[in-house]
Amino acid sequence: MIKKILIVDDEVETLRLISIALRRQGLQVINANNGTQALELAITENPNLIILDIMMPDISGFEVVKRLKKNKKTTDIPVLIFSARNQLDDKVTGYESGADDYLTKPIHPAELISHVKTLLDKSTSPEPTHRTASYTVGVMGAVGGAGASTMAVNLACNAAQHLHSRVVLAEMTPGHGSFLNFYGSESKKTLEDFLKMPIPEIDGQSLQTELIRMNYGPLVLAASDQLENIKYGQAVDQAELVVQELSNLAPLLFLDFGTMCWSNYARMLSQCDELILITAPFPSIIEKTRKLITQVSAYEFDSLKPLTLASISQARSSISLTLSQMEEQIHHSIAHVIPASPEQAYQAENAHKPISFLRPNDLVSQQIVNASLKLVERYQEYKNSRENAPSGKE
């Protein structure tokens, strides 16, 4: 795999010359011209090595190194300080900050390349941890009001009961949140509060303190219901990091995407080990579902990753498509069919209870519990496969 180098320097000519030398060695190069940008790119790009100047307009190189080494996502990335400051005290400060090597300008390109190769050979930069830390389930509605949030809440609550372990549920619908109205506290931060943050400030510890504990088990990160916050659907870098940090807090993570409002939905889908798509037994919705299945299949769902369909009816069966009719039109099996239950849904909303916990023995609850059990089985299979995989391999 091609190694990726992040070069940080506010001198354009230095960036150009180092980039040329490294690219001639077949290395991929990313440039940053200040410390703030360097900290962001270190997280989003996960480079194999960082070449860093000390004297920059915003944050000194020494401070950048300290922050990189304090952040668990960047602590293992080797840092080579490359600076015109050649005093012994500068070098000592550099190493004390956490730098792995210190070179002074000017230097012959061959010597720089030699040091770079040595650090790369020693480098064991970790893969992103969210893929191994938890099983992440995305829940998405084919259309608005299909029941994605209802299904996400019920699956998360039942999974928490079955597994007797921590489950996190995140409402990934900026500006369209509903969880705060039922489970929330005004004192807690919402998803959007984290999407506003600079990337280096987003970490698992701060997220954990803002999670709301539901009475039925899951920890919840709620989204705001203020329409002005819809704009944060553009903050994909921050959202991606939020998901990765949340996945390190629990073995099972649910993401309620609603109807997927993110500007780069591919990156959001890439965070998921499984996708649950909620549809309904009406011709126009089934047609939309058919198109969505084709689109998400481009991101390995239904081939390498499970794609599970559930139909939630909003009307009596006499005016709805049958299961066979739905499956014939979308060319895909539907694993779970939840019958219409407007009265039960109304009662559950008033009681602030998941619908499957209101009347555990009725058909609606049984179907939802069955869906939860099947999901837990898939999670257990995933977990076992990871535990039994050869060391160092997926």
Protein backbone atom coordinates (compact mmCIF):
# COMPACT_ATOMS: atom_id res chain seq x y z
CA MET A 1 0.00 0.00 0.00
CA ILE A 2 1.28 3.49 -0.86
CA LYS A 3 2.49 5.36 2.22
CA LYS A 4 0.94 8.73 2.95
CA ILE A 5 3.03 11.68 4.22
CA LEU A 6 1.59 14.89 5.71
CA ILE A 7 3.97 17.87 5.25
CA VAL A 8 3.29 20.91 7.45
CA ASP A 9 5.08 24.16 6.62
CA ASP A 10 3.98 27.76 5.99
CA GLU A 11 6.67 28.25 3.32
CA VAL A 12 5.25 27.37 -0.09
CA GLU A 13 8.64 26.68 -1.63
CA THR A 14 9.58 24.24 1.15
CA LEU A 15 6.31 22.38 0.66
CA ARG A 16 6.96 22.18 -3.07
CA LEU A 17 10.52 20.89 -2.82
CA ILE A 18 9.80 18.27 -0.16
CA SER A 19 6.71 17.12 -2.04
CA ILE A 20 8.71 16.60 -5.23
CA ALA A 21 11.38 14.60 -3.40
CA LEU A 22 8.84 12.35 -1.68
CA ARG A 23 6.68 11.77 -4.74
CA ARG A 24 9.75 10.62 -6.66
CA GLN A 25 9.98 7.84 -4.04
CA GLY A 26 6.42 6.75 -4.83
CA LEU A 27 4.96 8.31 -1.69
CA GLN A 28 1.59 10.09 -1.45
CA VAL A 29 1.87 13.66 -0.18
CA ILE A 30 -0.64 15.89 1.63
CA ASN A 31 0.21 19.50 2.45
CA ALA A 32 -0.82 21.79 5.30
CA ASN A 33 0.38 25.36 5.86
CA ASN A 34 -0.53 25.84 9.52
CA GLY A 35 -0.89 23.89 12.75
CA THR A 36 -4.68 23.88 12.90
CA GLN A 37 -4.95 22.39 9.44
CA ALA A 38 -2.28 19.84 10.36
CA LEU A 39 -4.25 18.60 13.37
CA GLU A 40 -7.40 18.21 11.27
CA LEU A 41 -5.67 16.39 8.43
CA ALA A 42 -3.85 14.07 10.84
CA ILE A 43 -7.25 12.75 11.92
CA THR A 44 -9.11 12.74 8.61
CA GLU A 45 -6.24 11.44 6.45
CA ASN A 46 -4.49 9.12 8.96
CA PRO A 47 -1.01 9.64 7.42
CA ASN A 48 1.84 7.20 7.96
CA LEU A 49 4.24 10.05 8.81
CA ILE A 50 4.13 13.79 9.54
CA ILE A 51 6.97 16.16 8.56
CA LEU A 52 6.50 19.29 10.64
CA ASP A 53 7.99 22.78 10.77
CA ILE A 54 8.20 24.56 14.14
CA MET A 55 7.64 28.22 13.24
CA MET A 56 4.08 28.62 11.95
CA PRO A 57 1.59 31.50 12.10
CA ASP A 58 -1.01 29.97 14.44
CA ILE A 59 0.25 27.04 16.54
CA SER A 60 3.92 26.23 17.02
CA GLY A 61 5.19 22.88 15.81
CA PHE A 62 6.05 21.92 19.39
CA GLU A 63 2.43 22.42 20.43
CA VAL A 64 1.17 20.49 17.40
CA VAL A 65 3.32 17.51 18.37
CA LYS A 66 2.02 17.61 21.95
CA ARG A 67 -1.60 17.60 20.74
CA LEU A 68 -0.96 14.81 18.27
CA LYS A 69 0.56 12.63 20.96
CA LYS A 70 -2.27 13.31 23.41
CA ASN A 71 -4.96 12.31 20.91
CA LYS A 72 -5.43 8.53 20.84
CA LYS A 73 -6.28 8.68 17.13
CA THR A 74 -2.93 10.26 16.21
CA THR A 75 -0.59 9.27 19.03
CA ASP A 76 1.10 6.50 17.03
CA ILE A 77 1.82 8.57 13.91
CA PRO A 78 5.59 9.26 13.70
CA VAL A 79 6.52 12.96 13.62
CA LEU A 80 9.70 14.30 12.02
CA ILE A 81 10.41 17.93 12.92
CA PHE A 82 12.10 19.73 10.01
CA SER A 83 13.10 23.25 11.04
CA ALA A 84 15.64 26.01 10.51
CA ARG A 85 16.01 26.24 14.29
CA ASN A 86 19.19 24.31 14.98
CA GLN A 87 20.00 25.09 18.62
CA LEU A 88 20.39 22.20 21.05
CA ASP A 89 17.57 23.58 23.22
CA ASP A 90 15.21 23.48 20.22
CA LYS A 91 16.04 19.85 19.54
CA VAL A 92 15.58 18.91 23.19
CA THR A 93 12.21 20.68 23.25
CA GLY A 94 11.21 18.87 20.07
CA TYR A 95 11.99 15.43 21.45
CA GLU A 96 10.37 16.26 24.80
CA SER A 97 7.21 17.30 22.92
CA GLY A 98 7.04 13.80 21.45
CA ALA A 99 8.80 14.10 18.08
CA ASP A 100 10.39 10.92 16.74
CA ASP A 101 13.14 12.68 14.77
CA TYR A 102 14.55 16.20 14.32
CA LEU A 103 16.30 17.51 11.20
CA THR A 104 17.50 21.06 10.48
CA LYS A 105 17.19 23.04 7.25
CA PRO A 106 18.85 23.12 4.80
CA ILE A 107 19.46 19.42 4.15
CA HIS A 108 20.25 17.28 1.14
CA PRO A 109 17.10 15.54 -0.17
CA ALA A 110 18.83 12.14 0.05
CA GLU A 111 19.35 12.57 3.80
CA LEU A 112 15.73 13.60 4.31
CA ILE A 113 14.53 10.59 2.33
CA SER A 114 16.74 8.29 4.38
CA HIS A 115 15.22 9.51 7.65
CA VAL A 116 11.70 9.29 6.21
CA LYS A 117 12.22 5.68 5.12
CA THR A 118 13.62 4.74 8.54
CA LEU A 119 10.58 6.16 10.32
CA LEU A 120 8.19 4.52 7.86
CA ASP A 121 9.85 1.15 8.41
CA LYS A 122 9.36 1.53 12.16
CA SER A 123 5.83 2.88 11.79
CA THR A 124 2.90 0.80 12.94
CA SER A 125 0.18 3.37 12.31
CA PRO A 126 -3.10 1.71 13.38
CA GLU A 127 -6.06 1.25 11.14
CA PRO A 128 -9.16 3.25 12.14
CA THR A 129 -10.50 1.59 15.27
CA HIS A 130 -14.22 1.88 14.61
CA ARG A 131 -14.24 -1.14 12.30
CA THR A 132 -12.94 -3.46 15.02
CA ALA A 133 -14.34 -1.82 18.14
CA SER A 134 -18.04 -2.36 17.50
CA TYR A 135 -20.77 -3.50 15.17
CA THR A 136 -22.38 -0.43 13.63
CA VAL A 137 -25.94 -0.66 12.31
CA GLY A 138 -27.39 2.06 10.10
CA VAL A 139 -31.19 2.41 9.99
CA MET A 140 -32.60 4.36 7.06
CA GLY A 141 -36.12 5.09 5.81
CA ALA A 142 -37.01 4.83 2.14
CA VAL A 143 -39.18 7.92 2.67
CA GLY A 144 -39.89 10.29 5.53
CA GLY A 145 -42.31 8.85 8.08
CA ALA A 146 -41.58 5.24 7.12
CA GLY A 147 -40.62 4.46 10.71
CA ALA A 148 -36.82 4.49 10.70
CA SER A 149 -36.57 6.22 14.09
CA THR A 150 -39.21 3.93 15.60
CA MET A 151 -37.32 0.88 14.38
CA ALA A 152 -33.94 2.22 15.50
CA VAL A 153 -35.21 2.90 19.03
CA ASN A 154 -36.91 -0.47 19.37
CA LEU A 155 -33.98 -2.43 17.95
CA ALA A 156 -31.53 -0.63 20.24
CA CYS A 157 -33.68 -1.16 23.34
CA ASN A 158 -34.29 -4.85 22.66
CA ALA A 159 -30.64 -5.46 21.77
CA ALA A 160 -29.57 -3.88 25.07
CA GLN A 161 -31.96 -6.21 26.91
CA HIS A 162 -30.76 -9.32 25.05
CA LEU A 163 -27.04 -8.61 25.26
CA HIS A 164 -26.94 -7.13 28.77
CA SER A 165 -24.19 -4.84 27.54
CA ARG A 166 -23.81 -1.22 26.52
CA VAL A 167 -25.63 -0.10 23.38
CA VAL A 168 -25.39 3.40 21.88
CA LEU A 169 -28.04 4.96 19.64
CA ALA A 170 -27.19 8.14 17.71
CA GLU A 171 -29.76 10.28 15.95
CA MET A 172 -27.85 11.25 12.79
CA THR A 173 -30.51 13.66 11.52
CA PRO A 174 -29.27 17.25 12.01
CA GLY A 175 -32.17 19.65 12.41
CA HIS A 176 -34.73 16.83 12.36
CA GLY A 177 -34.29 15.33 15.83
CA SER A 178 -37.09 13.87 17.93
CA PHE A 179 -35.35 11.95 20.71
CA LEU A 180 -34.92 14.95 23.02
CA ASN A 181 -38.69 15.34 23.24
CA PHE A 182 -39.03 11.84 24.65
CA TYR A 183 -35.79 10.89 26.38
CA GLY A 184 -33.78 14.05 26.63
CA SER A 185 -32.54 16.77 28.87
CA GLU A 186 -32.02 20.37 27.81
CA SER A 187 -28.71 20.31 29.70
CA LYS A 188 -27.21 17.78 27.27
CA LYS A 189 -25.38 18.68 24.09
CA THR A 190 -26.87 17.53 20.81
CA LEU A 191 -25.29 16.08 17.68
CA GLU A 192 -25.08 19.56 16.19
CA ASP A 193 -23.01 20.86 19.11
CA PHE A 194 -20.30 18.39 18.10
CA LEU A 195 -20.69 19.10 14.39
CA LYS A 196 -19.83 22.74 15.13
CA MET A 197 -16.56 21.81 16.82
CA PRO A 198 -13.10 21.86 15.25
CA ILE A 199 -12.13 18.26 14.54
CA PRO A 200 -9.30 18.09 17.14
CA GLU A 201 -11.81 18.87 19.93
CA ILE A 202 -14.12 15.92 19.21
CA ASP A 203 -13.29 12.95 21.42
CA GLY A 204 -15.00 9.99 23.02
CA GLN A 205 -14.82 11.32 26.55
CA SER A 206 -16.72 14.52 25.74
CA LEU A 207 -19.30 12.56 23.73
CA GLN A 208 -19.84 10.09 26.54
CA THR A 209 -20.71 12.80 29.05
CA GLU A 210 -23.50 14.04 26.75
CA LEU A 211 -25.19 10.69 26.14
CA ILE A 212 -28.69 10.32 27.57
CA ARG A 213 -29.52 7.05 29.31
CA MET A 214 -32.92 5.67 28.33
CA ASN A 215 -34.89 3.67 30.87
CA TYR A 216 -34.71 0.66 28.56
CA GLY A 217 -30.95 0.41 28.23
CA PRO A 218 -29.38 2.36 25.36
CA LEU A 219 -27.30 5.50 25.66
CA VAL A 220 -28.57 8.14 23.24
CA LEU A 221 -26.97 11.02 21.36
CA ALA A 222 -29.90 13.18 20.28
CA ALA A 223 -30.14 15.61 17.39
CA SER A 224 -31.70 19.06 17.54
CA ASP A 225 -35.16 19.75 16.11
CA GLN A 226 -34.23 23.29 15.05
CA LEU A 227 -34.51 23.69 11.28
CA GLU A 228 -31.56 26.10 11.22
CA ASN A 229 -29.35 23.10 12.06
CA ILE A 230 -30.12 21.31 8.80
CA LYS A 231 -26.99 23.00 7.42
CA TYR A 232 -24.82 20.68 9.52
CA GLY A 233 -25.61 17.91 7.07
CA GLN A 234 -22.55 19.34 5.29
CA ALA A 235 -20.24 18.65 8.26
CA VAL A 236 -19.34 15.15 7.14
CA ASP A 237 -15.78 15.20 8.51
CA GLN A 238 -17.05 15.96 12.01
CA ALA A 239 -19.94 13.48 11.69
CA GLU A 240 -17.60 10.72 10.60
CA LEU A 241 -15.38 11.32 13.62
CA VAL A 242 -18.41 11.41 15.97
CA VAL A 243 -19.47 7.99 14.68
CA GLN A 244 -15.97 6.57 15.07
CA GLU A 245 -15.68 7.84 18.64
CA LEU A 246 -19.16 6.56 19.56
CA SER A 247 -18.34 3.13 18.20
CA ASN A 248 -15.47 2.92 20.68
CA LEU A 249 -17.91 3.41 23.57
CA ALA A 250 -20.06 0.31 23.03
CA PRO A 251 -19.94 -3.06 21.25
CA LEU A 252 -23.15 -2.24 19.37
CA LEU A 253 -23.90 1.15 17.80
CA PHE A 254 -27.12 2.17 16.03
CA LEU A 255 -27.24 5.15 13.67
CA ASP A 256 -30.67 6.57 12.87
CA PHE A 257 -30.18 8.21 9.46
CA GLY A 258 -33.83 9.05 8.84
CA THR A 259 -33.98 9.61 5.10
CA MET A 260 -30.21 10.26 4.86
CA CYS A 261 -29.67 14.02 4.79
CA TRP A 262 -25.85 13.98 4.62
CA SER A 263 -24.18 15.71 1.70
CA ASN A 264 -21.72 12.83 1.36
CA TYR A 265 -23.90 9.86 2.19
CA ALA A 266 -21.29 7.40 0.88
CA ARG A 267 -18.93 8.29 3.71
CA MET A 268 -21.70 7.87 6.26
CA LEU A 269 -22.69 4.48 4.85
CA SER A 270 -19.06 3.39 4.96
CA GLN A 271 -19.21 3.62 8.75
CA CYS A 272 -21.83 0.84 8.89
CA ASP A 273 -21.36 -2.92 9.13
CA GLU A 274 -25.04 -3.44 8.33
CA LEU A 275 -27.86 -1.37 6.86
CA ILE A 276 -31.52 -1.78 7.78
CA LEU A 277 -33.82 -0.19 5.21
CA ILE A 278 -37.38 0.62 6.26
CA THR A 279 -40.07 0.57 3.60
CA ALA A 280 -43.88 0.47 3.49
CA PRO A 281 -46.42 -1.58 1.44
CA PHE A 282 -47.41 1.13 -1.05
CA PRO A 283 -46.42 1.21 -4.74
CA SER A 284 -44.62 4.57 -4.76
CA ILE A 285 -42.61 3.72 -1.63
CA ILE A 286 -41.73 0.28 -2.93
CA GLU A 287 -40.45 1.84 -6.17
CA LYS A 288 -38.29 4.22 -4.14
CA THR A 289 -37.05 1.26 -2.13
CA ARG A 290 -36.07 -0.62 -5.29
CA LYS A 291 -33.94 2.33 -6.41
CA LEU A 292 -32.32 2.68 -2.98
CA ILE A 293 -31.35 -1.00 -2.93
CA THR A 294 -29.51 -0.50 -6.22
CA GLN A 295 -27.74 2.58 -4.87
CA VAL A 296 -26.59 1.13 -1.54
CA SER A 297 -25.42 -2.09 -3.19
CA ALA A 298 -22.59 0.01 -4.66
CA TYR A 299 -21.25 0.30 -1.10
CA GLU A 300 -21.03 -3.46 -0.48
CA PHE A 301 -24.43 -3.85 1.15
CA ASP A 302 -26.11 -7.10 0.23
CA SER A 303 -22.77 -8.54 -0.88
CA LEU A 304 -20.11 -8.13 1.82
CA LYS A 305 -22.36 -6.44 4.37
CA PRO A 306 -25.93 -7.37 5.38
CA LEU A 307 -28.80 -5.37 3.90
CA THR A 308 -31.99 -6.09 5.84
CA LEU A 309 -35.40 -4.83 4.77
CA ALA A 310 -38.35 -4.26 7.08
CA SER A 311 -41.82 -3.11 6.07
CA ILE A 312 -43.87 -1.09 8.52
CA SER A 313 -47.48 -0.62 7.51
CA GLN A 314 -49.33 2.60 8.27
CA ALA A 315 -52.76 1.39 7.05
CA ARG A 316 -55.00 -1.66 7.11
CA SER A 317 -53.90 -4.61 5.02
CA SER A 318 -56.83 -4.41 2.59
CA ILE A 319 -55.31 -1.35 0.89
CA SER A 320 -51.65 -2.40 1.16
CA LEU A 321 -49.42 -4.51 -1.05
CA THR A 322 -48.84 -8.07 0.09
CA LEU A 323 -45.41 -9.36 1.05
CA SER A 324 -45.07 -11.32 -2.20
CA GLN A 325 -46.07 -8.27 -4.25
CA MET A 326 -43.47 -6.10 -2.50
CA GLU A 327 -40.69 -8.64 -2.92
CA GLU A 328 -41.56 -9.19 -6.57
CA GLN A 329 -41.34 -5.47 -7.33
CA ILE A 330 -38.08 -4.77 -5.49
CA HIS A 331 -36.39 -8.11 -6.34
CA HIS A 332 -35.31 -8.51 -2.74
CA SER A 333 -36.58 -10.38 0.29
CA ILE A 334 -38.19 -8.47 3.15
CA ALA A 335 -37.10 -9.96 6.44
CA HIS A 336 -39.64 -8.36 8.75
CA VAL A 337 -43.21 -7.18 8.27
CA ILE A 338 -44.64 -4.98 11.02
CA PRO A 339 -48.44 -4.62 10.82
CA ALA A 340 -50.29 -1.34 11.23
CA SER A 341 -50.81 -0.35 14.89
CA PRO A 342 -51.77 3.34 15.10
CA GLU A 343 -53.43 2.99 18.52
CA GLN A 344 -50.44 1.23 20.02
CA ALA A 345 -48.06 3.76 18.47
CA TYR A 346 -50.10 6.60 19.99
CA GLN A 347 -50.06 4.98 23.43
CA ALA A 348 -46.34 4.29 23.23
CA GLU A 349 -45.62 7.91 22.33
CA ASN A 350 -47.71 9.22 25.23
CA ALA A 351 -46.03 6.80 27.64
CA HIS A 352 -42.54 7.58 26.28
CA LYS A 353 -42.05 3.87 25.78
CA PRO A 354 -40.70 1.87 22.85
CA ILE A 355 -43.71 0.34 21.14
CA SER A 356 -42.42 -3.22 21.62
CA PHE A 357 -42.32 -2.70 25.40
CA LEU A 358 -45.92 -1.49 25.65
CA ARG A 359 -47.66 -4.81 24.95
CA PRO A 360 -44.91 -7.44 24.78
CA ASN A 361 -47.20 -10.29 23.69
CA ASP A 362 -48.99 -8.74 20.72
CA LEU A 363 -48.02 -9.29 17.07
CA VAL A 364 -46.30 -5.93 16.57
CA SER A 365 -44.05 -6.45 19.58
CA GLN A 366 -43.27 -10.02 18.61
CA GLN A 367 -42.24 -9.00 15.10
CA ILE A 368 -39.96 -6.26 16.42
CA VAL A 369 -38.42 -8.56 19.03
CA ASN A 370 -37.82 -11.16 16.31
CA ALA A 371 -36.03 -8.53 14.21
CA SER A 372 -33.89 -7.63 17.24
CA LEU A 373 -32.98 -11.26 17.90
CA LYS A 374 -31.93 -11.77 14.28
CA LEU A 375 -29.77 -8.63 14.47
CA VAL A 376 -28.15 -9.80 17.71
CA GLU A 377 -27.34 -13.11 15.97
CA ARG A 378 -25.61 -11.24 13.14
CA TYR A 379 -23.69 -9.18 15.68
CA GLN A 380 -22.58 -12.32 17.52
CA GLU A 381 -21.43 -13.91 14.26
CA TYR A 382 -19.47 -10.75 13.43
CA LYS A 383 -17.94 -10.67 16.89
CA ASN A 384 -16.93 -14.34 16.74
CA SER A 385 -15.40 -13.92 13.30
CA ARG A 386 -13.29 -11.00 14.52
CA GLU A 387 -12.16 -12.87 17.64
CA ASN A 388 -11.20 -15.94 15.62
CA ALA A 389 -9.47 -14.04 12.83
CA PRO A 390 -5.68 -14.53 12.55
CA SER A 391 -3.72 -11.87 14.41
CA GLY A 392 -3.23 -8.69 12.41
CA LYS A 393 -5.92 -9.57 9.86
CA GLU A 394 -9.53 -8.54 9.46
